[in-house]
């Protein structure tokens, strides 16, 4: 059984990196952590390491709905259509 979630995210990490260097170090750390955790669980995404368009940002919002640029956005891995699970060696 697979749980599937749907939501609207703001923009891809690749698009963000073309426009801004804000949060670059923090987002790079989030990206590396996501890749590391997936690998530790035996999940091979298929193309996370190739480009940053399979990561999406979700910005925090102020009460008026505008983006809060004082907070580092959350980063999510998306597009798992080519993902595979490594065989268990046990």
N, C-alpha and C. Protein backbone atom coordinates (compact mmCIF):
# COMPACT_ATOMS: atom_id res chain seq x y z
N UNK A 1 0.85 -1.17 0.00
CA UNK A 1 0.00 0.00 0.00
C UNK A 1 0.90 1.24 0.00
N UNK A 2 0.46 2.25 -0.72
CA UNK A 2 1.22 3.49 -0.84
C UNK A 2 0.32 4.66 -0.49
N UNK A 3 0.80 5.53 0.38
CA UNK A 3 0.07 6.76 0.67
C UNK A 3 0.52 7.82 -0.32
N UNK A 4 -0.42 8.49 -0.92
CA UNK A 4 -0.12 9.55 -1.88
C UNK A 4 -0.73 10.84 -1.35
N UNK A 5 0.08 11.88 -1.36
CA UNK A 5 -0.39 13.18 -0.89
C UNK A 5 -0.30 14.18 -2.04
N UNK A 6 -1.20 15.10 -2.05
CA UNK A 6 -1.21 16.12 -3.08
C UNK A 6 -1.24 17.49 -2.41
N UNK A 7 -0.57 18.43 -3.03
CA UNK A 7 -0.58 19.78 -2.51
C UNK A 7 0.03 20.72 -3.52
N UNK A 8 -0.11 21.99 -3.25
CA UNK A 8 0.45 23.00 -4.14
C UNK A 8 1.69 23.57 -3.47
N UNK A 9 2.82 23.46 -4.14
CA UNK A 9 4.06 24.01 -3.65
C UNK A 9 4.38 25.26 -4.45
N UNK A 10 5.38 26.01 -4.01
CA UNK A 10 5.61 27.31 -4.63
C UNK A 10 6.37 27.25 -5.95
N UNK A 11 7.60 26.77 -5.96
CA UNK A 11 8.35 26.65 -7.20
C UNK A 11 9.50 25.67 -6.98
N UNK A 12 10.10 25.25 -8.07
CA UNK A 12 11.18 24.27 -7.96
C UNK A 12 12.44 24.93 -7.43
N UNK A 13 13.29 24.12 -6.83
CA UNK A 13 14.58 24.60 -6.35
C UNK A 13 15.41 25.11 -7.52
N UNK A 14 15.31 24.44 -8.66
CA UNK A 14 16.03 24.88 -9.85
C UNK A 14 15.63 26.28 -10.28
N UNK A 15 14.32 26.54 -10.30
CA UNK A 15 13.84 27.88 -10.66
C UNK A 15 14.27 28.92 -9.63
N UNK A 16 14.19 28.55 -8.36
CA UNK A 16 14.60 29.48 -7.30
C UNK A 16 16.08 29.83 -7.44
N UNK A 17 16.92 28.82 -7.68
CA UNK A 17 18.36 29.05 -7.78
C UNK A 17 18.73 29.92 -8.98
N UNK A 18 17.90 29.91 -10.02
CA UNK A 18 18.14 30.78 -11.18
C UNK A 18 17.85 32.24 -10.86
N UNK A 19 17.00 32.48 -9.86
CA UNK A 19 16.54 33.83 -9.55
C UNK A 19 17.16 34.43 -8.29
N UNK A 20 17.63 33.58 -7.37
CA UNK A 20 18.05 34.09 -6.07
C UNK A 20 19.12 33.21 -5.44
N UNK A 21 19.93 33.83 -4.59
CA UNK A 21 20.88 33.07 -3.77
C UNK A 21 20.45 33.06 -2.31
N UNK A 22 19.30 33.68 -2.02
CA UNK A 22 18.77 33.70 -0.66
C UNK A 22 18.49 32.27 -0.20
N UNK A 23 18.93 31.94 0.99
CA UNK A 23 18.75 30.62 1.61
C UNK A 23 19.55 29.51 0.93
N UNK A 24 20.50 29.84 0.08
CA UNK A 24 21.21 28.83 -0.71
C UNK A 24 21.85 27.76 0.17
N UNK A 25 22.58 28.16 1.21
CA UNK A 25 23.24 27.17 2.07
C UNK A 25 22.23 26.30 2.80
N UNK A 26 21.18 26.91 3.33
CA UNK A 26 20.17 26.16 4.07
C UNK A 26 19.43 25.17 3.17
N UNK A 27 19.10 25.61 1.96
CA UNK A 27 18.39 24.73 1.03
C UNK A 27 19.28 23.60 0.55
N UNK A 28 20.57 23.87 0.37
CA UNK A 28 21.52 22.82 -0.02
C UNK A 28 21.59 21.77 1.09
N UNK A 29 21.63 22.21 2.34
CA UNK A 29 21.65 21.25 3.45
C UNK A 29 20.37 20.42 3.49
N UNK A 30 19.23 21.06 3.28
CA UNK A 30 17.97 20.31 3.25
C UNK A 30 17.97 19.28 2.12
N UNK A 31 18.44 19.69 0.96
CA UNK A 31 18.50 18.79 -0.20
C UNK A 31 19.38 17.58 0.10
N UNK A 32 20.57 17.83 0.64
CA UNK A 32 21.49 16.73 0.96
C UNK A 32 20.90 15.80 2.01
N UNK A 33 20.18 16.36 2.98
CA UNK A 33 19.55 15.53 4.01
C UNK A 33 18.47 14.64 3.40
N UNK A 34 17.65 15.21 2.53
CA UNK A 34 16.59 14.42 1.87
C UNK A 34 17.20 13.26 1.09
N UNK A 35 18.22 13.54 0.28
CA UNK A 35 18.87 12.50 -0.51
C UNK A 35 19.47 11.43 0.40
N UNK A 36 20.12 11.86 1.47
CA UNK A 36 20.74 10.92 2.41
C UNK A 36 19.71 10.01 3.08
N UNK A 37 18.61 10.58 3.51
CA UNK A 37 17.57 9.78 4.18
C UNK A 37 16.94 8.80 3.21
N UNK A 38 16.65 9.24 1.99
CA UNK A 38 16.09 8.32 1.01
C UNK A 38 17.04 7.15 0.74
N UNK A 39 18.32 7.47 0.56
CA UNK A 39 19.31 6.40 0.32
C UNK A 39 19.40 5.46 1.50
N UNK A 40 19.37 6.00 2.73
CA UNK A 40 19.47 5.14 3.92
C UNK A 40 18.27 4.20 4.03
N UNK A 41 17.15 4.58 3.42
CA UNK A 41 15.96 3.74 3.41
C UNK A 41 15.90 2.83 2.19
N UNK A 42 16.94 2.90 1.34
CA UNK A 42 16.98 2.05 0.16
C UNK A 42 16.14 2.57 -1.00
N UNK A 43 15.78 3.85 -0.96
CA UNK A 43 14.95 4.42 -2.01
C UNK A 43 15.84 5.19 -2.98
N UNK A 44 15.77 4.79 -4.22
CA UNK A 44 16.49 5.49 -5.28
C UNK A 44 15.46 6.29 -6.08
N UNK A 45 15.53 7.58 -6.01
CA UNK A 45 14.54 8.45 -6.66
C UNK A 45 14.61 8.32 -8.17
N UNK A 46 15.82 8.29 -8.70
CA UNK A 46 15.98 8.15 -10.14
C UNK A 46 16.60 9.36 -10.79
N UNK A 47 16.36 10.55 -10.24
CA UNK A 47 16.96 11.73 -10.86
C UNK A 47 17.08 12.94 -9.92
N UNK A 48 17.15 12.74 -8.62
CA UNK A 48 17.33 13.87 -7.71
C UNK A 48 18.70 14.51 -7.86
N UNK A 49 19.72 13.68 -8.09
CA UNK A 49 21.07 14.20 -8.17
C UNK A 49 21.37 14.86 -9.52
N UNK A 50 20.50 14.66 -10.50
CA UNK A 50 20.74 15.17 -11.85
C UNK A 50 20.39 16.66 -11.95
N UNK A 51 19.25 17.06 -11.41
CA UNK A 51 18.85 18.46 -11.47
C UNK A 51 17.97 18.80 -10.28
N UNK A 52 17.80 20.09 -10.05
CA UNK A 52 17.07 20.57 -8.87
C UNK A 52 15.59 20.80 -9.11
N UNK A 53 15.07 20.42 -10.27
CA UNK A 53 13.65 20.62 -10.55
C UNK A 53 12.77 19.57 -9.91
N UNK A 54 13.36 18.57 -9.27
CA UNK A 54 12.59 17.57 -8.54
C UNK A 54 12.58 17.85 -7.04
N UNK A 55 12.92 19.08 -6.71
CA UNK A 55 12.77 19.60 -5.36
C UNK A 55 11.88 20.82 -5.47
N UNK A 56 10.92 20.95 -4.58
CA UNK A 56 10.02 22.10 -4.60
C UNK A 56 10.05 22.80 -3.25
N UNK A 57 9.97 24.12 -3.30
CA UNK A 57 9.97 24.94 -2.11
C UNK A 57 8.54 25.22 -1.67
N UNK A 58 8.37 25.33 -0.37
CA UNK A 58 7.10 25.76 0.20
C UNK A 58 7.45 26.86 1.20
N UNK A 59 7.12 28.08 0.83
CA UNK A 59 7.45 29.23 1.66
C UNK A 59 6.47 29.38 2.82
N UNK A 60 6.99 29.89 3.92
CA UNK A 60 6.12 30.28 5.02
C UNK A 60 5.41 31.57 4.61
N UNK A 61 4.23 31.78 5.12
CA UNK A 61 3.42 32.94 4.75
C UNK A 61 3.13 33.81 5.98
N UNK A 62 3.00 35.09 5.71
CA UNK A 62 2.57 36.03 6.73
C UNK A 62 1.04 35.98 6.81
N UNK A 63 0.49 36.64 7.79
CA UNK A 63 -0.98 36.65 7.95
C UNK A 63 -1.70 37.15 6.71
N UNK A 64 -1.08 38.07 5.99
CA UNK A 64 -1.71 38.62 4.79
C UNK A 64 -1.52 37.74 3.55
N UNK A 65 -0.83 36.59 3.71
CA UNK A 65 -0.64 35.66 2.61
C UNK A 65 0.65 35.87 1.83
N UNK A 66 1.36 36.95 2.10
CA UNK A 66 2.61 37.19 1.39
C UNK A 66 3.72 36.29 1.94
N UNK A 67 4.73 36.06 1.13
CA UNK A 67 5.84 35.19 1.52
C UNK A 67 6.64 35.84 2.65
N UNK A 68 6.99 35.04 3.64
CA UNK A 68 7.82 35.50 4.75
C UNK A 68 9.27 35.15 4.42
N UNK A 69 10.02 36.12 3.92
CA UNK A 69 11.41 35.89 3.54
C UNK A 69 12.36 35.90 4.73
N UNK A 70 11.81 35.97 5.94
CA UNK A 70 12.64 35.87 7.14
C UNK A 70 12.78 34.42 7.60
N UNK A 71 12.05 33.53 6.98
CA UNK A 71 12.08 32.11 7.34
C UNK A 71 12.52 31.29 6.13
N UNK A 72 13.40 30.33 6.37
CA UNK A 72 13.86 29.42 5.31
C UNK A 72 12.68 28.55 4.88
N UNK A 73 12.40 28.48 3.58
CA UNK A 73 11.28 27.64 3.12
C UNK A 73 11.58 26.16 3.35
N UNK A 74 10.52 25.38 3.40
CA UNK A 74 10.67 23.93 3.46
C UNK A 74 10.97 23.43 2.05
N UNK A 75 11.73 22.35 2.00
CA UNK A 75 12.08 21.75 0.72
C UNK A 75 11.52 20.34 0.67
N UNK A 76 10.92 19.99 -0.45
CA UNK A 76 10.31 18.68 -0.64
C UNK A 76 10.86 18.03 -1.90
N UNK A 77 11.09 16.72 -1.84
CA UNK A 77 11.40 15.95 -3.05
C UNK A 77 10.07 15.59 -3.70
N UNK A 78 10.01 15.73 -5.02
CA UNK A 78 8.78 15.43 -5.75
C UNK A 78 9.09 14.51 -6.93
N UNK A 79 8.06 14.08 -7.63
CA UNK A 79 8.19 13.33 -8.89
C UNK A 79 8.89 11.98 -8.69
N UNK A 80 8.23 11.10 -7.99
CA UNK A 80 8.80 9.78 -7.68
C UNK A 80 8.44 8.71 -8.70
N UNK A 81 8.09 9.11 -9.93
CA UNK A 81 7.67 8.13 -10.93
C UNK A 81 8.77 7.16 -11.33
N UNK A 82 10.04 7.55 -11.21
CA UNK A 82 11.15 6.66 -11.57
C UNK A 82 11.82 6.03 -10.35
N UNK A 83 11.22 6.21 -9.18
CA UNK A 83 11.83 5.70 -7.94
C UNK A 83 11.79 4.18 -7.88
N UNK A 84 12.84 3.63 -7.28
CA UNK A 84 12.90 2.19 -7.06
C UNK A 84 13.38 1.93 -5.65
N UNK A 85 13.14 0.73 -5.18
CA UNK A 85 13.58 0.31 -3.86
C UNK A 85 14.70 -0.70 -4.04
N UNK A 86 15.81 -0.45 -3.37
CA UNK A 86 16.93 -1.39 -3.46
C UNK A 86 16.53 -2.71 -2.86
N UNK A 87 16.99 -3.82 -3.43
CA UNK A 87 16.66 -5.14 -2.85
C UNK A 87 17.26 -5.26 -1.46
N UNK A 88 16.53 -5.92 -0.58
CA UNK A 88 17.00 -6.16 0.78
C UNK A 88 17.99 -7.32 0.75
N UNK A 89 19.18 -7.11 1.29
CA UNK A 89 20.22 -8.14 1.26
C UNK A 89 20.09 -9.17 2.37
N UNK A 90 19.07 -9.08 3.20
CA UNK A 90 18.93 -10.02 4.32
C UNK A 90 18.44 -11.36 3.86
